[in-house]
Amino acid sequence: ISMTAEECESCAVELLESQQKYELTTLLSGPYDSSNCRIVLTAGAGGTEACDWVNMLYRMYTRHANHIDDFKVSTLDESAGDVVGYKSV
């Protein structure tokens, strides 16, 4: 079989995309995986740093979920920290 570099690269890209879709499909194929998920992030002891950490986690989780096609993120309740971040979200 003879392939040019461009053909080989396009085949590799297609294979990688197929693998990623298959991996997500098999990962989320359990009986409860089509249900909604609720995540509560709460700052513990630690004051400003704990509130900032909750903010970082919230940002990380929402960005990750927004990059997945079928996921939607909605914030039901949030309590702002005294200086930065969230006490809970």
Protein backbone atom coordinates (compact mmCIF):
# COMPACT_ATOMS: atom_id res chain seq x y z
CA ILE A 1 0.00 0.00 0.00
CA SER A 2 1.37 3.37 -1.00
CA MET A 3 0.21 6.53 0.81
CA THR A 4 1.38 10.10 0.74
CA ALA A 5 2.23 11.88 3.97
CA GLU A 6 -0.97 13.94 3.73
CA GLU A 7 -3.13 10.83 3.28
CA CYS A 8 -1.41 9.14 6.20
CA GLU A 9 -1.92 12.20 8.39
CA SER A 10 -5.61 12.51 7.50
CA CYS A 11 -6.14 8.79 8.24
CA ALA A 12 -4.42 9.23 11.60
CA VAL A 13 -6.63 12.20 12.47
CA GLU A 14 -9.79 10.28 11.51
CA LEU A 15 -8.66 7.30 13.57
CA LEU A 16 -7.95 9.48 16.60
CA GLU A 17 -11.36 11.19 16.36
CA SER A 18 -13.11 7.83 16.04
CA GLN A 19 -11.21 6.48 19.02
CA GLN A 20 -12.13 9.50 21.18
CA LYS A 21 -15.84 9.21 20.29
CA TYR A 22 -15.79 5.47 20.96
CA GLU A 23 -14.02 5.99 24.29
CA LEU A 24 -16.58 8.56 25.45
CA THR A 25 -19.47 6.37 24.28
CA THR A 26 -18.21 3.31 26.14
CA LEU A 27 -17.31 5.36 29.20
CA LEU A 28 -20.82 6.83 29.42
CA SER A 29 -22.91 3.79 28.54
CA GLY A 30 -24.06 2.70 32.00
CA PRO A 31 -27.71 2.61 33.10
CA TYR A 32 -27.52 5.94 34.98
CA ASP A 33 -25.17 7.81 32.67
CA SER A 34 -27.97 9.52 30.75
CA SER A 35 -29.25 11.08 33.99
CA ASN A 36 -28.36 14.53 35.25
CA CYS A 37 -25.50 15.10 37.63
CA ARG A 38 -25.39 17.58 40.47
CA ILE A 39 -22.05 18.71 41.91
CA VAL A 40 -21.79 20.81 45.06
CA LEU A 41 -18.51 22.55 45.79
CA THR A 42 -18.13 23.93 49.31
CA ALA A 43 -15.19 25.78 50.83
CA GLY A 44 -14.11 24.28 54.12
CA ALA A 45 -11.86 25.84 56.70
CA GLY A 46 -9.21 27.99 55.13
CA GLY A 47 -10.88 31.33 54.49
CA THR A 48 -9.91 33.14 51.33
CA GLU A 49 -7.73 30.33 49.98
CA ALA A 50 -10.56 27.78 50.36
CA CYS A 51 -12.98 30.09 48.54
CA ASP A 52 -10.43 30.64 45.78
CA TRP A 53 -9.94 26.86 45.48
CA VAL A 54 -13.72 26.36 45.05
CA ASN A 55 -13.63 29.00 42.32
CA MET A 56 -10.79 27.17 40.53
CA LEU A 57 -12.61 23.82 40.76
CA TYR A 58 -15.86 25.35 39.51
CA ARG A 59 -14.07 26.92 36.56
CA MET A 60 -12.27 23.67 35.74
CA TYR A 61 -15.42 21.54 35.86
CA THR A 62 -17.53 23.97 33.82
CA ARG A 63 -14.87 24.39 31.13
CA HIS A 64 -14.42 20.64 30.86
CA ALA A 65 -18.16 20.00 30.59
CA ASN A 66 -18.61 22.76 28.01
CA HIS A 67 -16.02 21.08 25.75
CA ILE A 68 -18.13 17.91 25.61
CA ASP A 69 -20.87 18.15 22.98
CA ASP A 70 -23.92 16.84 24.85
CA PHE A 71 -23.19 18.33 28.29
CA LYS A 72 -24.86 21.46 29.62
CA VAL A 73 -23.87 23.32 32.77
CA SER A 74 -26.24 25.38 34.87
CA THR A 75 -25.57 26.93 38.26
CA LEU A 76 -28.48 26.47 40.66
CA ASP A 77 -27.10 28.43 43.62
CA GLU A 78 -23.93 30.24 44.53
CA SER A 79 -22.63 31.99 47.60
CA ALA A 80 -19.76 34.38 46.98
CA GLY A 81 -16.72 34.40 49.21
CA ASP A 82 -15.89 37.44 51.34
CA VAL A 83 -12.88 38.43 49.21
CA VAL A 84 -12.59 36.04 46.24
CA GLY A 85 -14.19 32.89 44.90
CA TYR A 86 -17.19 31.10 46.31
CA LYS A 87 -18.18 29.83 49.73
CA SER A 88 -20.34 27.32 47.88
CA VAL A 89 -21.57 26.79 44.38
